[in-house]
Amino acid sequence: LRNQAAWRAEALALVPGLAAAFGTATRAIVIPHEVLWRVPFEALPGESGYLADTTTIVYAPSVTALVRPPPPPEPTDSSPRLVAIAAPDLAPAMLAEIARTAPDWTIRAGASAEVEANAIASGAEAGGTQLLAGAAASESAVRERLLQADAIHLGAPFRVNGASPLFSPLLLASDAAHDGVLEAREIMNLDLRASVAVLADGAAMTMRDAADEAGAVGWAWRAAGVPAIVLPRWAGDETVSTALLVTLYERLRAGDAPAVALQAARAKVRAGRDTGSPFYWAAWMLMGR
């Protein structure tokens, strides 16, 4: 994926003619199965360039998952447009448990998540972003703030549980009321109004068999009222990923739909002198509408 010529050769051998099958479509819905969740369809090579040059792609676990999406949120002037969570203070006992039960899970560095969140917030109007970090990123505080959000950015450690997807954990600071592990099964019971949630941890799909269970995580957010989620298939370059997310939120604030905003963010990274290979921009996928 870092080498454009090598990727083109491998992709054409893996799925010959698939990019051409999209024809002149400007929008496509892809319903993957098992390992195909890991394939960046946006980066499929055509006669010139990539499929992402012409087609906006969204992913779904099934056709029925798109039949009755949650209703669009009512506009409001009283709540922040974006709630961002980054670099929570994780309890030593939690980290020890993760090391024991999931030794292959590399916990995201809090510093990089906080840099990312601050970069995203810098482009918003005063008061347009509410950032929770450190001890303030407790599970109780996050639960409360998510109810008020128009868009959600989750830079805290997160990983899809390939064995039990509804137990996929978002790690937060613990408090008197909660253990600091907000799981997908708990998310689905919230009453949210956000139009999109971004799960920014590059470790999201690192667990074995996690890719095919990403759809269940998307379903949990959809059940909570959030019609679209964005998450990465792999951990890319932190600096480039931050730049991509800054553009994504700029376009969302300008009124673009999540799929259009993500396509524009990918295109900006792709146009960079040293960031044109799929490794830098094709990890990010949007699930939902």
Protein backbone atom coordinates (compact mmCIF):
# COMPACT_ATOMS: atom_id res chain seq x y z
CA LEU A 1 0.00 0.00 0.00
CA ARG A 2 2.97 2.35 0.39
CA ASN A 3 4.12 1.65 -3.17
CA GLN A 4 1.57 2.75 -5.77
CA ALA A 5 2.95 0.58 -8.55
CA ALA A 6 3.11 -2.52 -6.34
CA TRP A 7 -0.42 -1.90 -5.04
CA ARG A 8 -1.78 -1.49 -8.55
CA ALA A 9 -0.28 -4.79 -9.66
CA GLU A 10 -1.50 -6.67 -6.58
CA ALA A 11 -5.01 -5.15 -6.68
CA LEU A 12 -5.50 -5.93 -10.36
CA ALA A 13 -4.46 -9.53 -9.70
CA LEU A 14 -6.71 -9.83 -6.63
CA VAL A 15 -9.89 -8.41 -8.13
CA PRO A 16 -9.39 -8.02 -11.90
CA GLY A 17 -11.85 -5.66 -13.54
CA LEU A 18 -13.69 -4.80 -10.32
CA ALA A 19 -13.02 -1.07 -10.50
CA ALA A 20 -14.37 -1.04 -14.06
CA ALA A 21 -17.54 -2.74 -12.83
CA PHE A 22 -18.47 0.46 -10.98
CA GLY A 23 -18.76 2.13 -14.38
CA THR A 24 -19.74 5.80 -14.23
CA ALA A 25 -21.36 5.55 -10.79
CA THR A 26 -20.65 8.58 -8.62
CA ARG A 27 -21.85 6.82 -5.47
CA ALA A 28 -21.63 3.18 -4.46
CA ILE A 29 -22.61 1.03 -1.50
CA VAL A 30 -20.28 -1.88 -0.76
CA ILE A 31 -21.43 -4.79 1.42
CA PRO A 32 -18.26 -6.75 2.21
CA HIS A 33 -17.92 -10.19 3.76
CA GLU A 34 -15.19 -11.41 6.11
CA VAL A 35 -11.72 -10.36 4.90
CA LEU A 36 -13.18 -8.02 2.26
CA TRP A 37 -13.84 -5.51 5.06
CA ARG A 38 -10.06 -5.00 5.02
CA VAL A 39 -9.93 -4.20 1.30
CA PRO A 40 -9.90 -0.44 0.56
CA PHE A 41 -12.28 -0.36 -2.41
CA GLU A 42 -11.59 3.37 -2.75
CA ALA A 43 -8.04 2.49 -3.77
CA LEU A 44 -8.94 0.00 -6.50
CA PRO A 45 -7.03 1.06 -9.61
CA GLY A 46 -8.83 1.96 -12.82
CA GLU A 47 -7.47 2.88 -16.21
CA SER A 48 -6.23 6.13 -14.69
CA GLY A 49 -6.08 6.84 -10.99
CA TYR A 50 -8.23 5.24 -8.31
CA LEU A 51 -11.91 4.51 -7.86
CA ALA A 52 -11.98 7.29 -5.22
CA ASP A 53 -11.32 9.82 -7.99
CA THR A 54 -14.83 9.36 -9.34
CA THR A 55 -16.92 7.44 -6.81
CA THR A 56 -18.01 8.07 -3.23
CA ILE A 57 -18.13 4.76 -1.38
CA VAL A 58 -19.99 3.85 1.79
CA TYR A 59 -19.99 0.46 3.49
CA ALA A 60 -22.80 -1.48 5.12
CA PRO A 61 -23.16 -4.90 6.77
CA SER A 62 -26.38 -5.58 4.81
CA VAL A 63 -28.94 -3.96 2.54
CA THR A 64 -31.50 -3.89 5.35
CA ALA A 65 -29.08 -1.90 7.51
CA LEU A 66 -29.67 1.02 5.14
CA VAL A 67 -33.43 0.70 4.73
CA ARG A 68 -34.44 2.62 7.84
CA PRO A 69 -31.62 4.85 9.01
CA PRO A 70 -32.15 6.96 12.13
CA PRO A 71 -33.91 10.27 11.41
CA PRO A 72 -31.62 13.26 10.87
CA PRO A 73 -30.95 15.25 14.06
CA GLU A 74 -32.86 18.42 14.74
CA PRO A 75 -30.67 21.54 14.47
CA THR A 76 -29.81 23.22 17.74
CA ASP A 77 -27.83 26.23 18.87
CA SER A 78 -27.45 25.13 22.47
CA SER A 79 -25.03 22.21 22.13
CA PRO A 80 -21.46 22.05 20.77
CA ARG A 81 -21.21 20.86 17.20
CA LEU A 82 -18.35 18.49 18.03
CA VAL A 83 -17.51 16.53 21.16
CA ALA A 84 -13.95 15.15 21.06
CA ILE A 85 -12.50 12.55 23.43
CA ALA A 86 -8.73 12.06 23.66
CA ALA A 87 -6.00 10.81 25.99
CA PRO A 88 -8.11 9.61 28.94
CA ASP A 89 -6.32 8.77 32.18
CA LEU A 90 -6.42 4.98 32.12
CA ALA A 91 -6.36 3.17 35.47
CA PRO A 92 -3.28 0.99 36.06
CA ALA A 93 -5.58 -1.96 36.80
CA MET A 94 -7.24 -1.52 33.39
CA LEU A 95 -3.88 -1.43 31.60
CA ALA A 96 -2.74 -4.53 33.49
CA GLU A 97 -5.93 -6.36 32.48
CA ILE A 98 -5.44 -5.37 28.83
CA ALA A 99 -1.83 -6.59 28.93
CA ARG A 100 -3.04 -9.92 30.36
CA THR A 101 -6.04 -10.56 28.13
CA ALA A 102 -5.05 -8.73 24.92
CA PRO A 103 -1.25 -8.61 24.78
CA ASP A 104 -1.28 -7.83 21.05
CA TRP A 105 -3.28 -4.62 21.55
CA THR A 106 -0.99 -1.62 21.42
CA ILE A 107 -2.73 1.13 23.40
CA ARG A 108 -2.75 4.39 21.49
CA ALA A 109 -0.39 7.06 22.82
CA GLY A 110 -2.34 9.77 24.60
CA ALA A 111 -0.06 12.52 23.30
CA SER A 112 -0.79 11.80 19.63
CA ALA A 113 -4.54 11.56 20.30
CA GLU A 114 -4.49 14.92 22.08
CA VAL A 115 -2.53 16.59 19.25
CA GLU A 116 -5.10 15.22 16.82
CA ALA A 117 -8.06 16.50 18.86
CA ASN A 118 -6.53 19.95 19.32
CA ALA A 119 -5.84 20.22 15.59
CA ILE A 120 -9.46 19.35 14.83
CA ALA A 121 -10.75 21.83 17.41
CA SER A 122 -8.54 24.65 16.11
CA GLY A 123 -10.62 25.03 12.97
CA ALA A 124 -13.92 25.36 14.81
CA GLU A 125 -15.60 28.54 15.96
CA ALA A 126 -15.20 29.48 19.61
CA GLY A 127 -17.27 27.07 21.67
CA GLY A 128 -17.89 24.82 18.69
CA THR A 129 -15.84 21.94 20.11
CA GLN A 130 -15.90 20.41 23.56
CA LEU A 131 -12.72 18.45 24.33
CA LEU A 132 -12.54 15.89 27.12
CA ALA A 133 -9.05 14.62 27.98
CA GLY A 134 -7.17 13.22 30.93
CA ALA A 135 -9.26 12.73 34.07
CA ALA A 136 -12.06 14.77 32.45
CA ALA A 137 -12.52 11.99 29.87
CA SER A 138 -14.30 9.81 32.43
CA GLU A 139 -16.98 7.39 31.34
CA SER A 140 -19.68 9.36 33.15
CA ALA A 141 -18.63 12.64 31.52
CA VAL A 142 -18.37 11.04 28.07
CA ARG A 143 -21.82 9.46 28.37
CA GLU A 144 -23.27 12.84 29.29
CA ARG A 145 -21.50 14.85 26.57
CA LEU A 146 -22.29 12.37 23.79
CA LEU A 147 -25.98 13.02 24.33
CA GLN A 148 -25.42 16.67 23.36
CA ALA A 149 -23.11 16.18 20.37
CA ASP A 150 -23.86 16.91 16.71
CA ALA A 151 -20.65 15.09 15.73
CA ILE A 152 -18.43 12.80 17.81
CA HIS A 153 -14.65 12.32 17.65
CA LEU A 154 -13.28 9.40 19.66
CA GLY A 155 -9.50 9.47 19.86
CA ALA A 156 -9.44 7.26 22.97
CA PRO A 157 -8.17 3.66 22.67
CA PHE A 158 -10.71 1.50 20.83
CA ARG A 159 -10.67 -1.94 19.23
CA VAL A 160 -13.31 -4.12 17.59
CA ASN A 161 -13.69 -7.36 19.53
CA GLY A 162 -13.57 -10.06 16.85
CA ALA A 163 -14.95 -12.71 19.20
CA SER A 164 -17.82 -10.66 20.70
CA PRO A 165 -18.30 -7.42 18.74
CA LEU A 166 -20.89 -5.94 21.09
CA PHE A 167 -18.19 -6.07 23.79
CA SER A 168 -15.86 -3.90 21.67
CA PRO A 169 -14.33 -1.50 24.21
CA LEU A 170 -13.67 2.22 24.20
CA LEU A 171 -11.23 2.86 27.05
CA LEU A 172 -11.90 5.90 29.23
CA ALA A 173 -11.05 7.21 32.67
CA SER A 174 -12.93 5.36 35.39
CA ASP A 175 -15.08 7.11 37.99
CA ALA A 176 -17.31 6.26 40.92
CA ALA A 177 -20.21 5.24 38.68
CA HIS A 178 -18.47 3.42 35.81
CA ASP A 179 -15.43 1.20 35.17
CA GLY A 180 -14.07 3.25 32.25
CA VAL A 181 -14.83 0.64 29.59
CA LEU A 182 -17.65 1.85 27.33
CA GLU A 183 -18.64 -1.12 25.18
CA ALA A 184 -20.67 -1.22 21.97
CA ARG A 185 -23.54 -2.94 23.80
CA GLU A 186 -23.71 0.10 26.08
CA ILE A 187 -23.43 2.57 23.20
CA MET A 188 -26.50 1.07 21.54
CA ASN A 189 -28.62 1.89 24.59
CA LEU A 190 -27.78 5.61 24.51
CA ASP A 191 -30.07 8.15 22.86
CA LEU A 192 -27.73 10.09 20.59
CA ARG A 193 -28.36 12.80 18.00
CA ALA A 194 -24.98 13.05 16.24
CA SER A 195 -24.84 12.67 12.46
CA VAL A 196 -21.44 10.93 12.53
CA ALA A 197 -18.98 9.34 14.96
CA VAL A 198 -15.29 8.99 14.13
CA LEU A 199 -13.45 6.14 15.89
CA ALA A 200 -9.93 7.32 15.18
CA ASP A 201 -7.74 4.66 16.83
CA GLY A 202 -5.63 2.90 14.21
CA ALA A 203 -5.80 -0.28 16.30
CA ALA A 204 -9.54 -0.57 15.64
CA MET A 205 -9.25 -3.66 13.42
CA THR A 206 -6.07 -5.26 14.74
CA MET A 207 -7.80 -8.12 16.56
CA ARG A 208 -8.11 -11.39 14.69
CA ASP A 209 -11.43 -11.65 12.82
CA ALA A 210 -12.27 -8.06 13.77
CA ALA A 211 -12.83 -6.88 10.22
CA ASP A 212 -15.99 -8.92 9.64
CA GLU A 213 -17.41 -7.66 12.96
CA ALA A 214 -17.01 -3.96 12.15
CA GLY A 215 -20.57 -4.06 10.82
CA ALA A 216 -21.88 -5.02 14.28
CA VAL A 217 -20.14 -2.00 15.79
CA GLY A 218 -21.69 0.22 13.14
CA TRP A 219 -25.08 -1.33 13.92
CA ALA A 220 -24.65 -0.48 17.63
CA TRP A 221 -24.02 3.19 16.83
CA ARG A 222 -26.93 3.17 14.40
CA ALA A 223 -29.19 1.74 17.12
CA ALA A 224 -28.10 4.64 19.35
CA GLY A 225 -29.19 7.10 16.66
CA VAL A 226 -25.93 7.80 14.82
CA PRO A 227 -26.38 6.94 11.11
CA ALA A 228 -22.69 6.93 10.09
CA ILE A 229 -19.35 6.00 11.60
CA VAL A 230 -15.82 6.48 10.27
CA LEU A 231 -12.99 4.17 11.32
CA PRO A 232 -9.57 3.10 9.99
CA ARG A 233 -8.67 -0.35 8.70
CA TRP A 234 -5.03 0.10 9.73
CA ALA A 235 -2.81 2.54 11.60
CA GLY A 236 -1.40 5.05 9.15
CA ASP A 237 0.97 7.95 9.57
CA GLU A 238 -0.24 9.95 12.60
CA THR A 239 0.60 13.36 11.12
CA VAL A 240 -1.07 12.61 7.79
CA SER A 241 -4.09 11.07 9.50
CA THR A 242 -4.51 14.19 11.61
CA ALA A 243 -4.41 16.36 8.49
CA LEU A 244 -7.04 14.13 6.85
CA LEU A 245 -9.32 14.41 9.89
CA VAL A 246 -8.90 18.20 10.04
CA THR A 247 -10.15 18.42 6.45
CA LEU A 248 -12.96 15.97 7.21
CA TYR A 249 -14.29 18.15 10.02
CA GLU A 250 -13.83 21.33 8.00
CA ARG A 251 -16.07 19.88 5.31
CA LEU A 252 -18.60 18.62 7.86
CA ARG A 253 -18.80 22.11 9.37
CA ALA A 254 -19.34 23.48 5.86
CA GLY A 255 -22.41 21.25 5.53
CA ASP A 256 -21.09 18.31 3.51
CA ALA A 257 -22.54 14.86 4.12
CA PRO A 258 -20.06 12.53 5.89
CA ALA A 259 -19.36 10.47 2.74
CA VAL A 260 -18.65 13.58 0.67
CA ALA A 261 -16.52 15.10 3.44
CA LEU A 262 -14.42 11.95 3.75
CA GLN A 263 -13.91 11.69 0.00
CA ALA A 264 -12.69 15.31 -0.07
CA ALA A 265 -10.33 14.66 2.85
CA ARG A 266 -8.85 11.62 1.12
CA ALA A 267 -8.41 13.59 -2.10
CA LYS A 268 -6.48 16.33 -0.33
CA VAL A 269 -4.06 13.83 1.19
CA ARG A 270 -3.76 12.00 -2.13
CA ALA A 271 -2.70 15.23 -3.81
CA GLY A 272 0.26 15.65 -1.45
CA ARG A 273 3.73 15.26 -2.89
CA ASP A 274 4.69 12.35 -0.63
CA THR A 275 1.29 11.03 0.46
CA GLY A 276 -0.32 9.80 -2.74
CA SER A 277 0.00 6.07 -2.01
CA PRO A 278 -3.07 4.31 -0.58
CA PHE A 279 -1.31 3.67 2.72
CA TYR A 280 -1.82 7.31 3.70
CA TRP A 281 -5.49 7.82 2.80
CA ALA A 282 -7.29 4.55 2.00
CA ALA A 283 -7.48 3.16 5.54
CA TRP A 284 -10.46 5.34 6.38
CA MET A 285 -13.90 3.97 5.59
CA LEU A 286 -17.39 5.25 6.23
CA MET A 287 -20.14 2.88 7.31
CA GLY A 288 -23.75 4.01 7.02
CA ARG A 289 -25.25 6.84 5.05
